[in-house]
Amino acid sequence: MNPQFVTVLGRRLEYIRIPASKPGLPVLVFLHEGLGSISMWRDFPQRAAERTGCEVIVHSRHGYGRSDVIDVPREVRYMHHESQEALPAFFKAIGVDNPVIVGHSDGASIALLYAGSGNPAKALVLLAPHVFVEDLSIAGIEAARDAYRTTDLPKRLGRHHSDVDKTFWAWNNIWLLPAFRDWNIADCLPTVRCPVTVIQGYDDEYGTMAQLDAIERQVGGPCELVRLENCAHSPHRDQSDAVLAVIERVVASVV
């Protein structure tokens, strides 16, 4: 499916819409990871559309995919900007209200910040979210930096981004900035009142089950935790059927 483009806060963003196959269902919105894009979701959004019957929307944030290339260094609160300014403006521009949000990694953190800022969401499905920075997170991002310098990772990522160097280093540099070590979004959790389902793999190379426990302990609404064996940082790839089943169940619960 060819992407459409919309200008949001002066940035041209790519997005796709997969039409609903059943009436009366919420829109499913997918928010990608820190190095993600529309294409890096592969066929998972299409499978979710077929499984649930929902309209599905996927976009590449500023600096990713075929959206406008990032042109300034990121700040520590870049996910706050995405959640509180860019995402609401994107939804307004394309006519989306009160969606079910499926967020992965950075996208999951952005989903929490979005809902915790009083923006409407029927439910959140969070794949490997971050609410604070762990030693494991930093080690994983340092390993990604080394792989980018010494392997074919730039070539592989380059298939998904207009300027892979700018995309990679904008993400890697901010996460390894000393000031980012204190990044923590726990203060937004009590005001997340929609249902939240959190999915985490035991083999995640960027975060531990402590992230789930922090969310369950502090969110203001109902919370379910799903812990998956044989699963690393991308549950929708490693355990796609299990994740699709969770999304289907969440959608059914909010109709």
Protein backbone atom coordinates (compact mmCIF):
# COMPACT_ATOMS: atom_id res chain seq x y z
CA MET A 1 0.00 0.00 0.00
CA ASN A 2 1.42 3.36 -1.04
CA PRO A 3 1.73 5.95 1.73
CA GLN A 4 -0.10 9.24 1.86
CA PHE A 5 1.49 12.41 3.18
CA VAL A 6 0.24 15.10 5.54
CA THR A 7 1.95 18.20 6.92
CA VAL A 8 1.94 18.34 10.72
CA LEU A 9 3.62 21.18 12.63
CA GLY A 10 5.49 22.10 9.47
CA ARG A 11 6.79 18.54 8.88
CA ARG A 12 5.72 16.25 6.05
CA LEU A 13 4.79 12.85 7.48
CA GLU A 14 4.01 9.63 5.66
CA TYR A 15 1.13 7.43 6.76
CA ILE A 16 -1.07 4.60 5.54
CA ARG A 17 -4.73 3.82 6.22
CA ILE A 18 -6.02 0.27 6.00
CA PRO A 19 -9.82 0.44 5.70
CA ALA A 20 -12.07 -1.19 8.27
CA SER A 21 -13.81 -4.39 7.23
CA LYS A 22 -16.40 -4.22 10.04
CA PRO A 23 -18.51 -1.24 11.18
CA GLY A 24 -18.57 0.32 14.63
CA LEU A 25 -15.03 -0.51 15.69
CA PRO A 26 -12.31 1.82 17.02
CA VAL A 27 -9.37 2.86 14.89
CA LEU A 28 -6.11 1.02 15.62
CA VAL A 29 -3.06 3.31 15.50
CA PHE A 30 0.47 1.87 15.45
CA LEU A 31 3.38 3.89 16.91
CA HIS A 32 6.81 2.58 15.95
CA GLU A 33 10.02 2.06 17.90
CA GLY A 34 13.06 4.34 18.13
CA LEU A 35 14.48 3.16 14.79
CA GLY A 36 11.16 2.17 13.25
CA SER A 37 8.97 3.32 10.38
CA ILE A 38 5.90 2.19 8.47
CA SER A 39 7.87 -0.41 6.54
CA MET A 40 9.56 -1.86 9.62
CA TRP A 41 6.21 -3.05 10.93
CA ARG A 42 6.22 -5.37 7.88
CA ASP A 43 2.83 -7.06 7.48
CA PHE A 44 1.81 -6.88 11.13
CA PRO A 45 -0.62 -3.92 10.81
CA GLN A 46 -2.33 -5.61 7.86
CA ARG A 47 -2.69 -8.80 9.88
CA ALA A 48 -4.12 -6.81 12.79
CA ALA A 49 -6.64 -5.19 10.43
CA GLU A 50 -7.71 -8.58 9.11
CA ARG A 51 -7.88 -10.09 12.60
CA THR A 52 -9.90 -7.29 14.21
CA GLY A 53 -11.82 -5.70 11.34
CA CYS A 54 -10.64 -2.26 12.50
CA GLU A 55 -9.36 0.59 10.39
CA VAL A 56 -5.60 0.70 10.94
CA ILE A 57 -3.35 3.76 10.70
CA VAL A 58 0.44 3.61 10.69
CA HIS A 59 2.75 6.58 10.27
CA SER A 60 6.45 7.39 10.36
CA ARG A 61 7.29 10.10 12.85
CA HIS A 62 9.43 13.09 11.89
CA GLY A 63 12.93 11.83 11.14
CA TYR A 64 11.84 8.31 10.15
CA GLY A 65 10.86 6.40 7.05
CA ARG A 66 9.95 8.71 4.18
CA SER A 67 8.79 11.49 6.49
CA ASP A 68 10.85 14.68 6.60
CA VAL A 69 14.43 14.03 7.70
CA ILE A 70 15.38 15.21 11.19
CA ASP A 71 17.45 18.39 11.01
CA VAL A 72 18.22 19.25 14.65
CA PRO A 73 19.57 17.20 17.59
CA ARG A 74 16.92 15.64 19.79
CA GLU A 75 16.29 16.95 23.28
CA VAL A 76 15.77 14.81 26.38
CA ARG A 77 12.02 15.50 26.29
CA TYR A 78 11.60 14.59 22.62
CA MET A 79 8.99 11.94 23.43
CA HIS A 80 6.99 14.52 25.38
CA HIS A 81 6.93 16.68 22.24
CA GLU A 82 5.81 13.73 20.12
CA SER A 83 3.03 12.76 22.51
CA GLN A 84 1.72 16.16 23.57
CA GLU A 85 2.14 18.15 20.35
CA ALA A 86 2.93 16.11 17.25
CA LEU A 87 0.61 13.14 17.79
CA PRO A 88 -2.52 15.16 18.68
CA ALA A 89 -1.84 17.41 15.67
CA PHE A 90 -1.44 14.35 13.43
CA PHE A 91 -4.71 12.87 14.67
CA LYS A 92 -6.50 16.18 14.08
CA ALA A 93 -5.06 16.47 10.58
CA ILE A 94 -6.28 13.03 9.49
CA GLY A 95 -9.52 12.96 11.48
CA VAL A 96 -8.84 10.34 14.17
CA ASP A 97 -10.36 10.47 17.64
CA ASN A 98 -10.23 8.11 20.62
CA PRO A 99 -8.20 5.28 19.03
CA VAL A 100 -6.78 2.07 20.39
CA ILE A 101 -3.03 2.74 20.31
CA VAL A 102 -0.49 -0.03 19.78
CA GLY A 103 2.95 1.33 20.65
CA HIS A 104 6.33 -0.38 20.43
CA SER A 105 9.33 0.71 22.56
CA ASP A 106 9.62 4.50 22.09
CA GLY A 107 6.16 4.36 20.53
CA ALA A 108 4.82 2.69 23.68
CA SER A 109 6.35 5.41 25.85
CA ILE A 110 4.81 8.05 23.58
CA ALA A 111 1.42 6.31 23.92
CA LEU A 112 1.66 6.50 27.73
CA LEU A 113 2.63 10.18 27.62
CA TYR A 114 -0.21 10.87 25.16
CA ALA A 115 -2.87 9.25 27.34
CA GLY A 116 -1.34 10.62 30.54
CA SER A 117 -1.63 14.16 29.16
CA GLY A 118 -5.42 13.87 28.98
CA ASN A 119 -5.69 12.97 25.31
CA PRO A 120 -8.44 10.49 24.38
CA ALA A 121 -7.62 6.82 23.83
CA LYS A 122 -9.93 3.83 24.20
CA ALA A 123 -7.04 1.58 25.22
CA LEU A 124 -3.27 1.16 24.99
CA VAL A 125 -1.40 -1.97 23.95
CA LEU A 126 2.25 -1.43 24.87
CA LEU A 127 5.00 -3.59 23.40
CA ALA A 128 8.29 -3.39 25.34
CA PRO A 129 7.66 0.10 26.78
CA HIS A 130 10.19 2.27 28.62
CA VAL A 131 9.19 4.41 31.59
CA PHE A 132 12.72 4.86 32.93
CA VAL A 133 16.27 4.14 31.75
CA GLU A 134 17.90 0.91 32.91
CA ASP A 135 21.53 -0.19 32.73
CA LEU A 136 20.38 -2.86 30.29
CA SER A 137 18.86 -0.18 28.07
CA ILE A 138 22.15 1.69 27.86
CA ALA A 139 24.12 -1.50 27.20
CA GLY A 140 21.75 -2.43 24.38
CA ILE A 141 22.01 0.99 22.78
CA GLU A 142 25.82 0.95 23.07
CA ALA A 143 25.78 -2.44 21.35
CA ALA A 144 23.59 -0.99 18.58
CA ARG A 145 26.09 1.88 18.16
CA ASP A 146 28.96 -0.59 17.79
CA ALA A 147 26.96 -2.71 15.32
CA TYR A 148 26.16 0.37 13.25
CA ARG A 149 29.86 1.17 13.00
CA THR A 150 31.13 -2.33 12.26
CA THR A 151 28.39 -4.35 10.49
CA ASP A 152 25.94 -4.03 7.61
CA LEU A 153 23.32 -2.52 9.93
CA PRO A 154 23.36 0.82 8.04
CA LYS A 155 22.53 -0.99 4.81
CA ARG A 156 19.72 -2.98 6.42
CA LEU A 157 18.21 0.06 8.14
CA GLY A 158 18.75 2.15 5.02
CA ARG A 159 15.97 0.30 3.25
CA HIS A 160 13.51 1.88 5.68
CA HIS A 161 14.71 5.50 6.05
CA SER A 162 15.44 8.40 3.71
CA ASP A 163 18.62 9.36 5.58
CA VAL A 164 19.66 6.42 7.70
CA ASP A 165 22.66 8.14 9.30
CA LYS A 166 20.58 11.04 10.60
CA THR A 167 17.85 8.69 11.79
CA PHE A 168 20.22 6.37 13.62
CA TRP A 169 22.43 8.96 15.29
CA ALA A 170 19.50 11.14 16.38
CA TRP A 171 18.16 8.13 18.29
CA ASN A 172 21.47 6.74 19.51
CA ASN A 173 23.01 10.04 20.59
CA ILE A 174 20.09 11.14 22.76
CA TRP A 175 19.75 7.81 24.54
CA LEU A 176 23.50 7.82 25.33
CA LEU A 177 23.56 11.46 26.42
CA PRO A 178 24.43 11.55 30.16
CA ALA A 179 21.44 13.81 30.86
CA PHE A 180 19.11 11.19 29.40
CA ARG A 181 20.06 8.72 32.13
CA ASP A 182 17.58 10.49 34.41
CA TRP A 183 14.71 10.36 31.88
CA ASN A 184 11.63 9.03 33.63
CA ILE A 185 7.94 9.33 32.72
CA ALA A 186 6.42 7.72 35.82
CA ASP A 187 4.76 11.02 36.70
CA CYS A 188 2.37 10.62 33.75
CA LEU A 189 1.15 7.16 34.77
CA PRO A 190 -1.49 8.05 37.40
CA THR A 191 -3.40 10.07 34.79
CA VAL A 192 -3.46 7.17 32.29
CA ARG A 193 -7.01 6.02 32.98
CA CYS A 194 -7.86 3.99 29.88
CA PRO A 195 -7.24 0.22 29.90
CA VAL A 196 -3.57 -0.64 29.45
CA THR A 197 -2.13 -3.98 28.33
CA VAL A 198 1.65 -4.34 28.53
CA ILE A 199 3.55 -7.04 26.63
CA GLN A 200 7.19 -7.81 27.40
CA GLY A 201 9.56 -10.59 26.36
CA TYR A 202 11.82 -12.27 28.87
CA ASP A 203 14.71 -11.95 26.39
CA ASP A 204 14.33 -8.21 25.74
CA GLU A 205 17.77 -6.72 25.20
CA TYR A 206 16.66 -3.16 26.04
CA GLY A 207 14.52 -3.53 29.16
CA THR A 208 13.46 -5.79 32.02
CA MET A 209 10.19 -6.76 33.66
CA ALA A 210 10.75 -3.84 36.04
CA GLN A 211 9.20 -1.64 33.33
CA LEU A 212 5.97 -3.65 33.48
CA ASP A 213 5.88 -3.62 37.25
CA ALA A 214 6.29 0.16 37.33
CA ILE A 215 3.41 0.63 34.91
CA GLU A 216 1.08 -1.78 36.70
CA ARG A 217 1.83 -0.17 40.06
CA GLN A 218 1.24 3.42 38.97
CA VAL A 219 -1.31 3.67 36.13
CA GLY A 220 -4.66 5.14 37.05
CA GLY A 221 -6.79 2.61 35.18
CA PRO A 222 -7.01 -1.15 34.65
CA CYS A 223 -3.74 -2.82 33.66
CA GLU A 224 -2.92 -6.29 32.37
CA LEU A 225 0.61 -7.67 32.03
CA VAL A 226 1.58 -10.25 29.39
CA ARG A 227 5.02 -11.83 29.78
CA LEU A 228 6.26 -13.87 26.82
CA GLU A 229 8.86 -16.63 26.62
CA ASN A 230 11.21 -16.81 23.62
CA CYS A 231 10.66 -13.14 22.95
CA ALA A 232 13.10 -10.22 22.70
CA HIS A 233 12.47 -6.51 22.10
CA SER A 234 9.95 -6.94 19.27
CA PRO A 235 7.06 -9.09 20.51
CA HIS A 236 5.07 -8.48 17.31
CA ARG A 237 7.84 -10.26 15.40
CA ASP A 238 8.93 -12.90 17.88
CA GLN A 239 5.44 -13.86 19.11
CA SER A 240 3.16 -12.31 16.50
CA ASP A 241 0.22 -14.68 16.98
CA ALA A 242 0.19 -14.09 20.73
CA VAL A 243 0.30 -10.32 20.25
CA LEU A 244 -2.45 -10.39 17.62
CA ALA A 245 -4.63 -12.37 20.02
CA VAL A 246 -4.09 -9.72 22.70
CA ILE A 247 -4.96 -6.87 20.30
CA GLU A 248 -8.10 -8.70 19.17
CA ARG A 249 -9.19 -9.19 22.77
CA VAL A 250 -8.50 -5.57 23.70
CA VAL A 251 -10.53 -4.28 20.76
CA ALA A 252 -13.46 -6.57 21.68
CA SER A 253 -13.35 -5.31 25.26
CA VAL A 254 -13.77 -1.63 24.35
CA VAL A 255 -16.47 -1.87 21.68
